[in-house]
């Protein structure tokens, strides 16, 4: 994804690494939810897009729109896989226990 705006530098975030493509239903909503939640946490546009991308990836790997689970340790590990350890470390404190 690419984020552009008047008062920001363009941000390019590749899609998070997926393990399977099962059901695309709800992927866009999940991306938006992750992006907006991470922005509410005070994270940068880049980090927010990374969170949104991974949440969307979890949805595409699951049958149904709300059957996925966000487990903090797994989510953090997958962020590190896709975007590096710094990303995972920055997001982990915001994930529910």
PDB file of N, CA and C in Angstrom:
ATOM      1  N   UNK A   1       0.839  -1.164   0.000  1.00  0.00           N
ATOM      2  CA  UNK A   1       0.000   0.000   0.000  1.00  0.00           C
ATOM      3  C   UNK A   1       0.876   1.216   0.000  1.00  0.00           C
ATOM      4  N   UNK A   2       0.337   2.297  -0.459  1.00  0.00           N
ATOM      5  CA  UNK A   2       1.068   3.553  -0.454  1.00  0.00           C
ATOM      6  C   UNK A   2       0.179   4.629   0.141  1.00  0.00           C
ATOM      7  N   UNK A   3       0.763   5.393   1.046  1.00  0.00           N
ATOM      8  CA  UNK A   3       0.061   6.501   1.684  1.00  0.00           C
ATOM      9  C   UNK A   3       0.728   7.782   1.215  1.00  0.00           C
ATOM     10  N   UNK A   4      -0.070   8.689   0.679  1.00  0.00           N
ATOM     11  CA  UNK A   4       0.440   9.988   0.257  1.00  0.00           C
ATOM     12  C   UNK A   4      -0.475  11.058   0.836  1.00  0.00           C
ATOM     13  N   UNK A   5       0.093  12.207   1.090  1.00  0.00           N
ATOM     14  CA  UNK A   5      -0.693  13.308   1.630  1.00  0.00           C
ATOM     15  C   UNK A   5       0.038  14.615   1.468  1.00  0.00           C
ATOM     16  N   UNK A   6      -0.658  15.678   1.726  1.00  0.00           N
ATOM     17  CA  UNK A   6      -0.070  17.006   1.574  1.00  0.00           C
ATOM     18  C   UNK A   6       1.079  17.266   2.526  1.00  0.00           C
ATOM     19  N   UNK A   7       0.919  16.874   3.769  1.00  0.00           N
ATOM     20  CA  UNK A   7       1.912  17.239   4.781  1.00  0.00           C
ATOM     21  C   UNK A   7       2.756  16.062   5.257  1.00  0.00           C
ATOM     22  N   UNK A   8       2.819  14.997   4.474  1.00  0.00           N
ATOM     23  CA  UNK A   8       3.606  13.827   4.854  1.00  0.00           C
ATOM     24  C   UNK A   8       4.427  13.328   3.681  1.00  0.00           C
ATOM     25  N   UNK A   9       5.509  12.680   4.007  1.00  0.00           N
ATOM     26  CA  UNK A   9       6.296  12.001   2.984  1.00  0.00           C
ATOM     27  C   UNK A   9       5.530  10.753   2.563  1.00  0.00           C
ATOM     28  N   UNK A  10       5.600  10.356   1.295  1.00  0.00           N
ATOM     29  CA  UNK A  10       4.931   9.118   0.875  1.00  0.00           C
ATOM     30  C   UNK A  10       5.483   7.920   1.663  1.00  0.00           C
ATOM     31  N   UNK A  11       4.582   7.007   2.004  1.00  0.00           N
ATOM     32  CA  UNK A  11       4.945   5.802   2.749  1.00  0.00           C
ATOM     33  C   UNK A  11       4.508   4.603   1.924  1.00  0.00           C
ATOM     34  N   UNK A  12       5.425   3.675   1.689  1.00  0.00           N
ATOM     35  CA  UNK A  12       5.110   2.441   0.970  1.00  0.00           C
ATOM     36  C   UNK A  12       5.267   1.274   1.935  1.00  0.00           C
ATOM     37  N   UNK A  13       4.229   0.464   2.062  1.00  0.00           N
ATOM     38  CA  UNK A  13       4.255  -0.699   2.951  1.00  0.00           C
ATOM     39  C   UNK A  13       3.844  -1.929   2.139  1.00  0.00           C
ATOM     40  N   UNK A  14       4.736  -2.908   2.019  1.00  0.00           N
ATOM     41  CA  UNK A  14       4.366  -4.134   1.305  1.00  0.00           C
ATOM     42  C   UNK A  14       3.374  -4.962   2.125  1.00  0.00           C
ATOM     43  N   UNK A  15       2.710  -5.864   1.450  1.00  0.00           N
ATOM     44  CA  UNK A  15       1.744  -6.752   2.098  1.00  0.00           C
ATOM     45  C   UNK A  15       2.474  -7.665   3.080  1.00  0.00           C
ATOM     46  N   UNK A  16       1.862  -7.905   4.234  1.00  0.00           N
ATOM     47  CA  UNK A  16       2.440  -8.832   5.216  1.00  0.00           C
ATOM     48  C   UNK A  16       2.482 -10.238   4.625  1.00  0.00           C
ATOM     49  N   UNK A  17       3.474 -11.002   5.020  1.00  0.00           N
ATOM     50  CA  UNK A  17       3.639 -12.362   4.509  1.00  0.00           C
ATOM     51  C   UNK A  17       2.469 -13.234   4.947  1.00  0.00           C
ATOM     52  N   UNK A  18       1.875 -13.893   3.976  1.00  0.00           N
ATOM     53  CA  UNK A  18       0.723 -14.752   4.272  1.00  0.00           C
ATOM     54  C   UNK A  18       1.150 -16.212   4.279  1.00  0.00           C
ATOM     55  N   UNK A  19       0.383 -17.004   4.979  1.00  0.00           N
ATOM     56  CA  UNK A  19       0.636 -18.442   5.045  1.00  0.00           C
ATOM     57  C   UNK A  19      -0.352 -19.213   4.188  1.00  0.00           C
ATOM     58  N   UNK A  20      -1.490 -18.622   3.889  1.00  0.00           N
ATOM     59  CA  UNK A  20      -2.509 -19.253   3.054  1.00  0.00           C
ATOM     60  C   UNK A  20      -3.500 -18.198   2.594  1.00  0.00           C
ATOM     61  N   UNK A  21      -4.160 -18.477   1.479  1.00  0.00           N
ATOM     62  CA  UNK A  21      -5.270 -17.635   1.016  1.00  0.00           C
ATOM     63  C   UNK A  21      -6.514 -18.495   1.120  1.00  0.00           C
ATOM     64  N   UNK A  22      -7.361 -18.164   2.096  1.00  0.00           N
ATOM     65  CA  UNK A  22      -8.534 -18.994   2.349  1.00  0.00           C
ATOM     66  C   UNK A  22      -9.829 -18.268   1.979  1.00  0.00           C
ATOM     67  N   UNK A  23     -10.026 -17.070   2.509  1.00  0.00           N
ATOM     68  CA  UNK A  23     -11.286 -16.354   2.306  1.00  0.00           C
ATOM     69  C   UNK A  23     -11.020 -14.855   2.379  1.00  0.00           C
ATOM     70  N   UNK A  24     -11.228 -14.122   1.264  1.00  0.00           N
ATOM     71  CA  UNK A  24     -10.939 -12.689   1.273  1.00  0.00           C
ATOM     72  C   UNK A  24     -12.014 -11.825   1.927  1.00  0.00           C
ATOM     73  N   UNK A  25     -13.129 -12.417   2.327  1.00  0.00           N
ATOM     74  CA  UNK A  25     -14.218 -11.639   2.911  1.00  0.00           C
ATOM     75  C   UNK A  25     -13.760 -10.923   4.178  1.00  0.00           C
ATOM     76  N   UNK A  26     -13.906  -9.624   4.210  1.00  0.00           N
ATOM     77  CA  UNK A  26     -13.559  -8.844   5.390  1.00  0.00           C
ATOM     78  C   UNK A  26     -12.144  -8.307   5.425  1.00  0.00           C
ATOM     79  N   UNK A  27     -11.351  -8.599   4.395  1.00  0.00           N
ATOM     80  CA  UNK A  27      -9.948  -8.171   4.398  1.00  0.00           C
ATOM     81  C   UNK A  27      -9.822  -6.646   4.440  1.00  0.00           C
ATOM     82  N   UNK A  28     -10.608  -5.959   3.635  1.00  0.00           N
ATOM     83  CA  UNK A  28     -10.529  -4.497   3.614  1.00  0.00           C
ATOM     84  C   UNK A  28     -10.937  -3.869   4.937  1.00  0.00           C
ATOM     85  N   UNK A  29     -11.988  -4.403   5.528  1.00  0.00           N
ATOM     86  CA  UNK A  29     -12.424  -3.897   6.831  1.00  0.00           C
ATOM     87  C   UNK A  29     -11.353  -4.135   7.895  1.00  0.00           C
ATOM     88  N   UNK A  30     -10.718  -5.303   7.846  1.00  0.00           N
ATOM     89  CA  UNK A  30      -9.667  -5.615   8.819  1.00  0.00           C
ATOM     90  C   UNK A  30      -8.475  -4.675   8.648  1.00  0.00           C
ATOM     91  N   UNK A  31      -8.111  -4.415   7.390  1.00  0.00           N
ATOM     92  CA  UNK A  31      -7.006  -3.488   7.158  1.00  0.00           C
ATOM     93  C   UNK A  31      -7.325  -2.123   7.751  1.00  0.00           C
ATOM     94  N   UNK A  32      -8.502  -1.624   7.447  1.00  0.00           N
ATOM     95  CA  UNK A  32      -8.910  -0.306   7.948  1.00  0.00           C
ATOM     96  C   UNK A  32      -8.931  -0.283   9.477  1.00  0.00           C
ATOM     97  N   UNK A  33      -9.463  -1.340  10.085  1.00  0.00           N
ATOM     98  CA  UNK A  33      -9.520  -1.407  11.551  1.00  0.00           C
ATOM     99  C   UNK A  33      -8.115  -1.382  12.156  1.00  0.00           C
ATOM    100  N   UNK A  34      -7.202  -2.154  11.587  1.00  0.00           N
ATOM    101  CA  UNK A  34      -5.826  -2.166  12.091  1.00  0.00           C
ATOM    102  C   UNK A  34      -5.138  -0.828  11.907  1.00  0.00           C
ATOM    103  N   UNK A  35      -5.303  -0.240  10.727  1.00  0.00           N
ATOM    104  CA  UNK A  35      -4.695   1.059  10.430  1.00  0.00           C
ATOM    105  C   UNK A  35      -5.187   2.130  11.398  1.00  0.00           C
ATOM    106  N   UNK A  36      -6.498   2.232  11.548  1.00  0.00           N
ATOM    107  CA  UNK A  36      -7.063   3.288  12.394  1.00  0.00           C
ATOM    108  C   UNK A  36      -6.779   3.052  13.874  1.00  0.00           C
ATOM    109  N   UNK A  37      -6.785   1.809  14.304  1.00  0.00           N
ATOM    110  CA  UNK A  37      -6.463   1.509  15.704  1.00  0.00           C
ATOM    111  C   UNK A  37      -5.021   1.879  16.009  1.00  0.00           C
ATOM    112  N   UNK A  38      -4.118   1.510  15.119  1.00  0.00           N
ATOM    113  CA  UNK A  38      -2.702   1.830  15.343  1.00  0.00           C
ATOM    114  C   UNK A  38      -2.465   3.343  15.320  1.00  0.00           C
ATOM    115  N   UNK A  39      -3.183   4.061  14.496  1.00  0.00           N
ATOM    116  CA  UNK A  39      -3.066   5.524  14.508  1.00  0.00           C
ATOM    117  C   UNK A  39      -3.589   6.078  15.831  1.00  0.00           C
ATOM    118  N   UNK A  40      -4.671   5.489  16.346  1.00  0.00           N
ATOM    119  CA  UNK A  40      -5.212   5.909  17.636  1.00  0.00           C
ATOM    120  C   UNK A  40      -4.201   5.653  18.756  1.00  0.00           C
ATOM    121  N   UNK A  41      -3.401   4.609  18.627  1.00  0.00           N
ATOM    122  CA  UNK A  41      -2.335   4.330  19.596  1.00  0.00           C
ATOM    123  C   UNK A  41      -1.218   5.366  19.521  1.00  0.00           C
ATOM    124  N   UNK A  42      -1.206   6.169  18.452  1.00  0.00           N
ATOM    125  CA  UNK A  42      -0.169   7.176  18.279  1.00  0.00           C
ATOM    126  C   UNK A  42       0.976   6.729  17.390  1.00  0.00           C
ATOM    127  N   UNK A  43       0.802   5.595  16.710  1.00  0.00           N
ATOM    128  CA  UNK A  43       1.868   5.085  15.845  1.00  0.00           C
ATOM    129  C   UNK A  43       1.893   5.848  14.520  1.00  0.00           C
ATOM    130  N   UNK A  44       3.032   5.801  13.854  1.00  0.00           N
ATOM    131  CA  UNK A  44       3.207   6.478  12.564  1.00  0.00           C
ATOM    132  C   UNK A  44       2.317   5.841  11.503  1.00  0.00           C
ATOM    133  N   UNK A  45       2.179   6.528  10.382  1.00  0.00           N
ATOM    134  CA  UNK A  45       1.413   5.972   9.268  1.00  0.00           C
ATOM    135  C   UNK A  45       2.018   4.654   8.795  1.00  0.00           C
ATOM    136  N   UNK A  46       3.346   4.593   8.769  1.00  0.00           N
ATOM    137  CA  UNK A  46       4.001   3.361   8.332  1.00  0.00           C
ATOM    138  C   UNK A  46       3.664   2.194   9.261  1.00  0.00           C
ATOM    139  N   UNK A  47       3.823   2.394  10.564  1.00  0.00           N
ATOM    140  CA  UNK A  47       3.510   1.321  11.521  1.00  0.00           C
ATOM    141  C   UNK A  47       2.033   0.948  11.456  1.00  0.00           C
ATOM    142  N   UNK A  48       1.184   1.958  11.336  1.00  0.00           N
ATOM    143  CA  UNK A  48      -0.251   1.693  11.274  1.00  0.00           C
ATOM    144  C   UNK A  48      -0.597   0.858  10.042  1.00  0.00           C
ATOM    145  N   UNK A  49       0.011   1.162   8.913  1.00  0.00           N
ATOM    146  CA  UNK A  49      -0.227   0.380   7.695  1.00  0.00           C
ATOM    147  C   UNK A  49       0.290  -1.047   7.855  1.00  0.00           C
ATOM    148  N   UNK A  50       1.389  -1.212   8.571  1.00  0.00           N
ATOM    149  CA  UNK A  50       1.924  -2.554   8.814  1.00  0.00           C
ATOM    150  C   UNK A  50       0.976  -3.360   9.702  1.00  0.00           C
ATOM    151  N   UNK A  51       0.445  -2.738  10.734  1.00  0.00           N
ATOM    152  CA  UNK A  51      -0.535  -3.409  11.600  1.00  0.00           C
ATOM    153  C   UNK A  51      -1.773  -3.771  10.786  1.00  0.00           C
ATOM    154  N   UNK A  52      -2.269  -2.842   9.999  1.00  0.00           N
ATOM    155  CA  UNK A  52      -3.431  -3.097   9.171  1.00  0.00           C
ATOM    156  C   UNK A  52      -3.194  -4.215   8.171  1.00  0.00           C
ATOM    157  N   UNK A  53      -2.032  -4.217   7.567  1.00  0.00           N
ATOM    158  CA  UNK A  53      -1.710  -5.255   6.597  1.00  0.00           C
ATOM    159  C   UNK A  53      -1.670  -6.634   7.240  1.00  0.00           C
ATOM    160  N   UNK A  54      -1.065  -6.730   8.418  1.00  0.00           N
ATOM    161  CA  UNK A  54      -1.010  -8.032   9.076  1.00  0.00           C
ATOM    162  C   UNK A  54      -2.398  -8.474   9.533  1.00  0.00           C
ATOM    163  N   UNK A  55      -3.194  -7.567  10.044  1.00  0.00           N
ATOM    164  CA  UNK A  55      -4.550  -7.940  10.452  1.00  0.00           C
ATOM    165  C   UNK A  55      -5.346  -8.434   9.237  1.00  0.00           C
ATOM    166  N   UNK A  56      -5.205  -7.755   8.107  1.00  0.00           N
ATOM    167  CA  UNK A  56      -5.867  -8.197   6.879  1.00  0.00           C
ATOM    168  C   UNK A  56      -5.366  -9.580   6.459  1.00  0.00           C
ATOM    169  N   UNK A  57      -4.092  -9.839   6.649  1.00  0.00           N
ATOM    170  CA  UNK A  57      -3.532 -11.144   6.313  1.00  0.00           C
ATOM    171  C   UNK A  57      -4.121 -12.233   7.203  1.00  0.00           C
ATOM    172  N   UNK A  58      -4.294 -11.941   8.483  1.00  0.00           N
ATOM    173  CA  UNK A  58      -4.920 -12.923   9.371  1.00  0.00           C
ATOM    174  C   UNK A  58      -6.332 -13.262   8.907  1.00  0.00           C
ATOM    175  N   UNK A  59      -7.047 -12.244   8.423  1.00  0.00           N
ATOM    176  CA  UNK A  59      -8.414 -12.466   7.948  1.00  0.00           C
ATOM    177  C   UNK A  59      -8.411 -13.329   6.685  1.00  0.00           C
ATOM    178  N   UNK A  60      -7.520 -13.057   5.754  1.00  0.00           N
ATOM    179  CA  UNK A  60      -7.507 -13.831   4.512  1.00  0.00           C
ATOM    180  C   UNK A  60      -7.109 -15.291   4.758  1.00  0.00           C
ATOM    181  N   UNK A  61      -6.460 -15.559   5.869  1.00  0.00           N
ATOM    182  CA  UNK A  61      -6.041 -16.919   6.215  1.00  0.00           C
ATOM    183  C   UNK A  61      -7.124 -17.700   6.965  1.00  0.00           C
ATOM    184  N   UNK A  62      -8.269 -17.055   7.203  1.00  0.00           N
ATOM    185  CA  UNK A  62      -9.326 -17.641   8.024  1.00  0.00           C
ATOM    186  C   UNK A  62     -10.657 -17.632   7.262  1.00  0.00           C
ATOM    187  N   UNK A  63     -11.432 -18.672   7.399  1.00  0.00           N
ATOM    188  CA  UNK A  63     -12.772 -18.694   6.817  1.00  0.00           C
ATOM    189  C   UNK A  63     -13.686 -17.859   7.710  1.00  0.00           C
ATOM    190  N   UNK A  64     -14.361 -16.895   7.115  1.00  0.00           N
ATOM    191  CA  UNK A  64     -15.258 -16.022   7.867  1.00  0.00           C
ATOM    192  C   UNK A  64     -14.594 -14.686   8.141  1.00  0.00           C
ATOM    193  N   UNK A  65     -15.420 -13.723   8.497  1.00  0.00           N
ATOM    194  CA  UNK A  65     -14.918 -12.351   8.649  1.00  0.00           C
ATOM    195  C   UNK A  65     -14.423 -12.015  10.046  1.00  0.00           C
ATOM    196  N   UNK A  66     -14.858 -12.757  11.065  1.00  0.00           N
ATOM    197  CA  UNK A  66     -14.467 -12.419  12.436  1.00  0.00           C
ATOM    198  C   UNK A  66     -13.993 -13.629  13.224  1.00  0.00           C
ATOM    199  N   UNK A  67     -13.594 -14.669  12.541  1.00  0.00           N
ATOM    200  CA  UNK A  67     -13.167 -15.878  13.230  1.00  0.00           C
ATOM    201  C   UNK A  67     -11.663 -15.906  13.505  1.00  0.00           C
ATOM    202  N   UNK A  68     -10.925 -14.940  13.022  1.00  0.00           N
ATOM    203  CA  UNK A  68      -9.485 -14.878  13.269  1.00  0.00           C
ATOM    204  C   UNK A  68      -9.227 -14.514  14.733  1.00  0.00           C
ATOM    205  N   UNK A  69      -8.026 -14.789  15.198  1.00  0.00           N
ATOM    206  CA  UNK A  69      -7.638 -14.435  16.561  1.00  0.00           C
ATOM    207  C   UNK A  69      -6.344 -13.636  16.528  1.00  0.00           C
ATOM    208  N   UNK A  70      -6.269 -12.611  17.351  1.00  0.00           N
ATOM    209  CA  UNK A  70      -5.030 -11.844  17.500  1.00  0.00           C
ATOM    210  C   UNK A  70      -4.405 -12.262  18.820  1.00  0.00           C
ATOM    211  N   UNK A  71      -3.383 -13.068  18.734  1.00  0.00           N
ATOM    212  CA  UNK A  71      -2.619 -13.482  19.915  1.00  0.00           C
ATOM    213  C   UNK A  71      -1.348 -12.643  19.925  1.00  0.00           C
ATOM    214  N   UNK A  72      -1.139 -11.850  20.980  1.00  0.00           N
ATOM    215  CA  UNK A  72      -0.040 -10.885  20.983  1.00  0.00           C
ATOM    216  C   UNK A  72       1.317 -11.456  20.573  1.00  0.00           C
ATOM    217  N   UNK A  73       1.706 -12.595  21.124  1.00  0.00           N
ATOM    218  CA  UNK A  73       3.022 -13.155  20.792  1.00  0.00           C
ATOM    219  C   UNK A  73       3.100 -13.538  19.319  1.00  0.00           C
ATOM    220  N   UNK A  74       2.041 -14.161  18.807  1.00  0.00           N
ATOM    221  CA  UNK A  74       2.019 -14.556  17.394  1.00  0.00           C
ATOM    222  C   UNK A  74       1.982 -13.332  16.480  1.00  0.00           C
ATOM    223  N   UNK A  75       1.159 -12.344  16.843  1.00  0.00           N
ATOM    224  CA  UNK A  75       1.048 -11.139  16.033  1.00  0.00           C
ATOM    225  C   UNK A  75       2.394 -10.432  15.968  1.00  0.00           C
ATOM    226  N   UNK A  76       3.058 -10.331  17.103  1.00  0.00           N
ATOM    227  CA  UNK A  76       4.365  -9.695  17.169  1.00  0.00           C
ATOM    228  C   UNK A  76       5.398 -10.458  16.332  1.00  0.00           C
ATOM    229  N   UNK A  77       5.366 -11.771  16.426  1.00  0.00           N
ATOM    230  CA  UNK A  77       6.298 -12.603  15.653  1.00  0.00           C
ATOM    231  C   UNK A  77       6.069 -12.415  14.155  1.00  0.00           C
ATOM    232  N   UNK A  78       4.817 -12.357  13.760  1.00  0.00           N
ATOM    233  CA  UNK A  78       4.517 -12.187  12.342  1.00  0.00           C
ATOM    234  C   UNK A  78       4.847 -10.777  11.854  1.00  0.00           C
ATOM    235  N   UNK A  79       4.686  -9.785  12.718  1.00  0.00           N
ATOM    236  CA  UNK A  79       5.139  -8.436  12.347  1.00  0.00           C
ATOM    237  C   UNK A  79       6.640  -8.440  12.097  1.00  0.00           C
ATOM    238  N   UNK A  80       7.384  -9.110  12.972  1.00  0.00           N
ATOM    239  CA  UNK A  80       8.841  -9.193  12.814  1.00  0.00           C
ATOM    240  C   UNK A  80       9.203  -9.896  11.511  1.00  0.00           C
ATOM    241  N   UNK A  81       8.493 -10.961  11.179  1.00  0.00           N
ATOM    242  CA  UNK A  81       8.736 -11.690   9.922  1.00  0.00           C
ATOM    243  C   UNK A  81       8.572 -10.782   8.711  1.00  0.00           C
ATOM    244  N   UNK A  82       7.531  -9.984   8.730  1.00  0.00           N
ATOM    245  CA  UNK A  82       7.215  -9.156   7.570  1.00  0.00           C
ATOM    246  C   UNK A  82       7.912  -7.808   7.566  1.00  0.00           C
ATOM    247  N   UNK A  83       8.070  -7.208   8.741  1.00  0.00           N
ATOM    248  CA  UNK A  83       8.530  -5.816   8.785  1.00  0.00           C
ATOM    249  C   UNK A  83       9.735  -5.565   9.686  1.00  0.00           C
ATOM    250  N   UNK A  84      10.224  -6.590  10.356  1.00  0.00           N
ATOM    251  CA  UNK A  84      11.422  -6.436  11.175  1.00  0.00           C
ATOM    252  C   UNK A  84      11.139  -6.355  12.667  1.00  0.00           C
ATOM    253  N   UNK A  85      12.180  -6.589  13.441  1.00  0.00           N
ATOM    254  CA  UNK A  85      12.080  -6.617  14.898  1.00  0.00           C
ATOM    255  C   UNK A  85      11.674  -5.270  15.495  1.00  0.00           C
ATOM    256  N   UNK A  86      12.119  -4.171  14.891  1.00  0.00           N
ATOM    257  CA  UNK A  86      11.764  -2.848  15.421  1.00  0.00           C
ATOM    258  C   UNK A  86      10.263  -2.617  15.362  1.00  0.00           C
ATOM    259  N   UNK A  87       9.650  -3.048  14.277  1.00  0.00           N
ATOM    260  CA  UNK A  87       8.196  -2.914  14.141  1.00  0.00           C
ATOM    261  C   UNK A  87       7.499  -3.715  15.231  1.00  0.00           C
ATOM    262  N   UNK A  88       7.893  -4.965  15.384  1.00  0.00           N
ATOM    263  CA  UNK A  88       7.264  -5.830  16.390  1.00  0.00           C
ATOM    264  C   UNK A  88       7.416  -5.249  17.791  1.00  0.00           C
ATOM    265  N   UNK A  89       8.593  -4.760  18.109  1.00  0.00           N
ATOM    266  CA  UNK A  89       8.844  -4.208  19.440  1.00  0.00           C
ATOM    267  C   UNK A  89       8.019  -2.951  19.697  1.00  0.00           C
ATOM    268  N   UNK A  90       7.802  -2.153  18.674  1.00  0.00           N
ATOM    269  CA  UNK A  90       7.035  -0.917  18.845  1.00  0.00           C
ATOM    270  C   UNK A  90       5.532  -1.209  19.040  1.00  0.00           C
ATOM    271  N   UNK A  91       5.033  -2.243  18.374  1.00  0.00           N
ATOM    272  CA  UNK A  91       3.597  -2.541  18.417  1.00  0.00           C
ATOM    273  C   UNK A  91       3.210  -3.411  19.615  1.00  0.00           C
ATOM    274  N   UNK A  92       4.072  -4.306  20.024  1.00  0.00           N
ATOM    275  CA  UNK A  92       3.740  -5.285  21.080  1.00  0.00           C
ATOM    276  C   UNK A  92       3.125  -4.671  22.344  1.00  0.00           C
ATOM    277  N   UNK A  93       3.626  -3.545  22.860  1.00  0.00           N
ATOM    278  CA  UNK A  93       3.035  -2.993  24.088  1.00  0.00           C
ATOM    279  C   UNK A  93       1.553  -2.605  23.952  1.00  0.00           C
ATOM    280  N   UNK A  94       1.081  -2.402  22.743  1.00  0.00           N
ATOM    281  CA  UNK A  94      -0.313  -2.004  22.535  1.00  0.00           C
ATOM    282  C   UNK A  94      -1.268  -3.188  22.383  1.00  0.00           C
ATOM    283  N   UNK A  95      -0.724  -4.380  22.191  1.00  0.00           N
ATOM    284  CA  UNK A  95      -1.574  -5.543  21.959  1.00  0.00           C
ATOM    285  C   UNK A  95      -2.170  -6.022  23.275  1.00  0.00           C
ATOM    286  N   UNK A  96      -3.425  -6.474  23.238  1.00  0.00           N
ATOM    287  CA  UNK A  96      -4.069  -6.935  24.469  1.00  0.00           C
ATOM    288  C   UNK A  96      -3.405  -8.188  25.003  1.00  0.00           C
ATOM    289  N   UNK A  97      -3.457  -8.360  26.308  1.00  0.00           N
ATOM    290  CA  UNK A  97      -2.836  -9.548  26.912  1.00  0.00           C
ATOM    291  C   UNK A  97      -3.732 -10.743  26.828  1.00  0.00           C
TER     292      UNK A  97
END
